[in-house]
């Protein structure tokens, strides 16, 4: 796999959707059960969008694709996300 960034790379694009800082939120991987801040995810920016993978098991957690005026967000790899509001 190509080099990756940390989960903080998701901050700008997710700020368009959420009113709180999602990178500080704790998320649980649906594959291995690891719970960690989103900022600890491995983010690969070389796809058509951003792909965030679990730092423990490499499972896809989040996919974000921006297409013109549309933002497509998949959180399918998460069991839960704990947003502090």
N, C-alpha and C. Protein backbone atom coordinates (compact mmCIF):
# COMPACT_ATOMS: atom_id res chain seq x y z
N UNK A 1 0.84 -1.18 0.00
CA UNK A 1 0.00 0.00 0.00
C UNK A 1 0.88 1.24 0.00
N UNK A 2 0.38 2.32 -0.57
CA UNK A 2 1.15 3.56 -0.58
C UNK A 2 1.25 4.14 0.83
N UNK A 3 2.06 5.17 0.96
CA UNK A 3 2.19 5.84 2.26
C UNK A 3 0.85 6.40 2.69
N UNK A 4 0.68 6.49 4.00
CA UNK A 4 -0.58 7.00 4.53
C UNK A 4 -0.35 8.19 5.45
N UNK A 5 -1.42 8.93 5.70
CA UNK A 5 -1.44 10.03 6.64
C UNK A 5 -2.16 9.55 7.89
N UNK A 6 -2.19 10.36 8.95
CA UNK A 6 -2.99 9.96 10.10
C UNK A 6 -4.41 10.50 9.95
N UNK A 7 -5.28 10.13 10.88
CA UNK A 7 -6.69 10.47 10.79
C UNK A 7 -6.99 11.96 10.79
N UNK A 8 -6.02 12.78 11.18
CA UNK A 8 -6.23 14.22 11.13
C UNK A 8 -6.45 14.72 9.71
N UNK A 9 -6.07 13.92 8.72
CA UNK A 9 -6.29 14.30 7.33
C UNK A 9 -7.78 14.36 6.98
N UNK A 10 -8.62 13.78 7.82
CA UNK A 10 -10.06 13.81 7.60
C UNK A 10 -10.72 15.07 8.15
N UNK A 11 -10.00 15.85 8.93
CA UNK A 11 -10.58 16.98 9.66
C UNK A 11 -11.32 17.97 8.76
N UNK A 12 -10.69 18.41 7.70
CA UNK A 12 -11.30 19.43 6.84
C UNK A 12 -12.58 18.97 6.18
N UNK A 13 -12.53 17.81 5.56
CA UNK A 13 -13.70 17.33 4.82
C UNK A 13 -14.83 16.95 5.77
N UNK A 14 -14.53 16.38 6.94
CA UNK A 14 -15.59 16.01 7.87
C UNK A 14 -16.17 17.22 8.59
N UNK A 15 -15.42 18.33 8.64
CA UNK A 15 -15.94 19.56 9.25
C UNK A 15 -17.11 20.12 8.43
N UNK A 16 -17.19 19.73 7.15
CA UNK A 16 -18.29 20.15 6.30
C UNK A 16 -19.59 19.44 6.66
N UNK A 17 -19.49 18.31 7.37
CA UNK A 17 -20.64 17.50 7.69
C UNK A 17 -21.00 17.57 9.18
N UNK A 18 -19.99 17.49 10.04
CA UNK A 18 -20.21 17.45 11.48
C UNK A 18 -19.89 18.80 12.11
N UNK A 19 -20.59 19.13 13.19
CA UNK A 19 -20.36 20.41 13.87
C UNK A 19 -19.29 20.31 14.95
N UNK A 20 -18.80 19.13 15.21
CA UNK A 20 -17.76 18.92 16.22
C UNK A 20 -16.53 18.32 15.54
N UNK A 21 -15.39 18.37 16.20
CA UNK A 21 -14.15 17.83 15.65
C UNK A 21 -14.19 16.31 15.70
N UNK A 22 -14.42 15.69 14.56
CA UNK A 22 -14.55 14.24 14.49
C UNK A 22 -13.22 13.54 14.74
N UNK A 23 -12.11 14.17 14.46
CA UNK A 23 -10.82 13.50 14.66
C UNK A 23 -10.57 13.21 16.13
N UNK A 24 -11.21 13.93 17.04
CA UNK A 24 -11.07 13.68 18.47
C UNK A 24 -12.06 12.62 18.96
N UNK A 25 -13.05 12.29 18.14
CA UNK A 25 -14.06 11.30 18.52
C UNK A 25 -13.42 9.92 18.62
N UNK A 26 -13.95 9.10 19.50
CA UNK A 26 -13.48 7.72 19.63
C UNK A 26 -14.39 6.84 18.77
N UNK A 27 -13.77 6.00 17.96
CA UNK A 27 -14.52 5.13 17.06
C UNK A 27 -14.11 3.68 17.29
N UNK A 28 -15.07 2.76 17.10
CA UNK A 28 -14.80 1.34 17.29
C UNK A 28 -14.83 0.63 15.94
N UNK A 29 -13.72 -0.05 15.63
CA UNK A 29 -13.59 -0.81 14.38
C UNK A 29 -14.55 -2.00 14.41
N UNK A 30 -15.31 -2.18 13.35
CA UNK A 30 -16.26 -3.29 13.29
C UNK A 30 -15.58 -4.63 13.02
N UNK A 31 -14.30 -4.61 12.68
CA UNK A 31 -13.58 -5.84 12.41
C UNK A 31 -12.89 -6.39 13.66
N UNK A 32 -12.04 -5.57 14.28
CA UNK A 32 -11.25 -6.06 15.42
C UNK A 32 -11.75 -5.55 16.77
N UNK A 33 -12.66 -4.56 16.77
CA UNK A 33 -13.19 -4.04 18.02
C UNK A 33 -12.35 -2.99 18.69
N UNK A 34 -11.23 -2.62 18.10
CA UNK A 34 -10.38 -1.60 18.71
C UNK A 34 -11.11 -0.27 18.76
N UNK A 35 -11.05 0.39 19.91
CA UNK A 35 -11.62 1.72 20.06
C UNK A 35 -10.49 2.71 20.23
N UNK A 36 -10.47 3.75 19.39
CA UNK A 36 -9.39 4.73 19.40
C UNK A 36 -9.89 6.02 18.77
N UNK A 37 -9.20 7.13 19.02
CA UNK A 37 -9.56 8.38 18.34
C UNK A 37 -9.45 8.23 16.82
N UNK A 38 -10.34 8.87 16.10
CA UNK A 38 -10.30 8.84 14.64
C UNK A 38 -8.94 9.33 14.13
N UNK A 39 -8.31 10.24 14.87
CA UNK A 39 -7.01 10.78 14.47
C UNK A 39 -5.93 9.71 14.37
N UNK A 40 -6.14 8.55 15.00
CA UNK A 40 -5.14 7.48 14.95
C UNK A 40 -5.30 6.57 13.74
N UNK A 41 -6.37 6.76 12.97
CA UNK A 41 -6.58 5.94 11.77
C UNK A 41 -5.49 6.24 10.74
N UNK A 42 -5.26 5.30 9.85
CA UNK A 42 -4.32 5.49 8.74
C UNK A 42 -5.15 5.94 7.54
N UNK A 43 -4.87 7.14 7.02
CA UNK A 43 -5.66 7.69 5.92
C UNK A 43 -4.84 7.66 4.63
N UNK A 44 -5.42 7.07 3.62
CA UNK A 44 -4.79 6.97 2.30
C UNK A 44 -5.48 7.94 1.36
N UNK A 45 -4.76 9.00 0.92
CA UNK A 45 -5.36 10.03 0.09
C UNK A 45 -5.26 9.76 -1.41
N UNK A 46 -4.68 8.64 -1.83
CA UNK A 46 -4.40 8.40 -3.24
C UNK A 46 -5.56 7.77 -4.00
N UNK A 47 -6.63 7.43 -3.32
CA UNK A 47 -7.81 6.87 -3.98
C UNK A 47 -8.63 8.04 -4.56
N UNK A 48 -9.75 7.76 -5.20
CA UNK A 48 -10.60 8.86 -5.67
C UNK A 48 -11.07 9.77 -4.54
N UNK A 49 -10.99 9.30 -3.31
CA UNK A 49 -11.34 10.09 -2.13
C UNK A 49 -10.35 9.77 -1.03
N UNK A 50 -10.79 9.89 0.22
CA UNK A 50 -9.97 9.53 1.37
C UNK A 50 -10.46 8.21 1.92
N UNK A 51 -9.53 7.30 2.20
CA UNK A 51 -9.86 6.01 2.78
C UNK A 51 -9.13 5.90 4.11
N UNK A 52 -9.89 5.75 5.21
CA UNK A 52 -9.29 5.62 6.54
C UNK A 52 -9.37 4.17 6.97
N UNK A 53 -8.23 3.63 7.40
CA UNK A 53 -8.15 2.23 7.83
C UNK A 53 -7.77 2.14 9.30
N UNK A 54 -8.19 1.07 9.93
CA UNK A 54 -7.86 0.81 11.33
C UNK A 54 -6.35 0.64 11.48
N UNK A 55 -5.77 1.30 12.46
CA UNK A 55 -4.33 1.20 12.71
C UNK A 55 -3.94 -0.16 13.26
N UNK A 56 -4.92 -0.91 13.73
CA UNK A 56 -4.65 -2.22 14.31
C UNK A 56 -4.76 -3.36 13.29
N UNK A 57 -5.89 -3.39 12.54
CA UNK A 57 -6.12 -4.53 11.64
C UNK A 57 -6.22 -4.15 10.16
N UNK A 58 -6.10 -2.87 9.82
CA UNK A 58 -6.12 -2.38 8.45
C UNK A 58 -7.51 -2.43 7.79
N UNK A 59 -8.56 -2.69 8.56
CA UNK A 59 -9.94 -2.71 8.05
C UNK A 59 -10.35 -1.30 7.62
N UNK A 60 -11.09 -1.18 6.52
CA UNK A 60 -11.58 0.12 6.07
C UNK A 60 -12.64 0.62 7.05
N UNK A 61 -12.40 1.80 7.64
CA UNK A 61 -13.31 2.40 8.60
C UNK A 61 -14.21 3.44 7.95
N UNK A 62 -13.60 4.36 7.21
CA UNK A 62 -14.30 5.52 6.65
C UNK A 62 -13.84 5.74 5.22
N UNK A 63 -14.79 6.06 4.35
CA UNK A 63 -14.48 6.47 2.98
C UNK A 63 -15.21 7.79 2.74
N UNK A 64 -14.47 8.78 2.24
CA UNK A 64 -15.04 10.09 1.94
C UNK A 64 -14.68 10.44 0.50
N UNK A 65 -15.69 10.70 -0.31
CA UNK A 65 -15.47 11.08 -1.70
C UNK A 65 -16.22 12.39 -1.95
N UNK A 66 -15.50 13.38 -2.48
CA UNK A 66 -16.10 14.64 -2.86
C UNK A 66 -16.22 14.66 -4.37
N UNK A 67 -17.43 14.90 -4.86
CA UNK A 67 -17.68 14.92 -6.30
C UNK A 67 -18.51 16.16 -6.61
N UNK A 68 -17.83 17.22 -6.98
CA UNK A 68 -18.54 18.46 -7.27
C UNK A 68 -19.18 19.01 -6.00
N UNK A 69 -20.49 19.16 -6.03
CA UNK A 69 -21.22 19.67 -4.87
C UNK A 69 -21.70 18.56 -3.94
N UNK A 70 -21.31 17.33 -4.22
CA UNK A 70 -21.73 16.18 -3.42
C UNK A 70 -20.58 15.69 -2.56
N UNK A 71 -20.91 15.24 -1.36
CA UNK A 71 -19.94 14.58 -0.50
C UNK A 71 -20.55 13.24 -0.11
N UNK A 72 -19.88 12.17 -0.47
CA UNK A 72 -20.36 10.83 -0.16
C UNK A 72 -19.51 10.30 0.99
N UNK A 73 -20.17 9.92 2.08
CA UNK A 73 -19.49 9.50 3.30
C UNK A 73 -19.98 8.12 3.70
N UNK A 74 -19.04 7.19 3.87
CA UNK A 74 -19.36 5.86 4.36
C UNK A 74 -18.62 5.63 5.67
N UNK A 75 -19.38 5.30 6.71
CA UNK A 75 -18.82 4.94 8.01
C UNK A 75 -19.07 3.46 8.28
N UNK A 76 -19.20 2.67 7.22
CA UNK A 76 -19.60 1.27 7.32
C UNK A 76 -18.63 0.42 8.13
N UNK A 77 -17.39 0.81 8.22
CA UNK A 77 -16.40 0.03 8.96
C UNK A 77 -16.37 0.31 10.45
N UNK A 78 -17.29 1.15 10.92
CA UNK A 78 -17.35 1.49 12.34
C UNK A 78 -18.57 0.86 12.99
N UNK A 79 -18.38 0.31 14.19
CA UNK A 79 -19.51 -0.13 14.99
C UNK A 79 -20.15 1.04 15.70
N UNK A 80 -19.31 2.00 16.11
CA UNK A 80 -19.80 3.14 16.86
C UNK A 80 -18.80 4.28 16.75
N UNK A 81 -19.31 5.49 16.93
CA UNK A 81 -18.46 6.68 17.00
C UNK A 81 -19.00 7.54 18.14
N UNK A 82 -18.11 7.91 19.06
CA UNK A 82 -18.49 8.67 20.25
C UNK A 82 -18.11 10.13 20.04
N UNK A 83 -19.11 10.95 19.69
CA UNK A 83 -18.90 12.37 19.44
C UNK A 83 -19.20 13.16 20.72
N UNK A 84 -18.26 13.93 21.18
CA UNK A 84 -18.48 14.78 22.35
C UNK A 84 -19.04 16.12 21.87
N UNK A 85 -20.24 16.46 22.29
CA UNK A 85 -20.85 17.70 21.83
C UNK A 85 -20.97 18.71 22.96
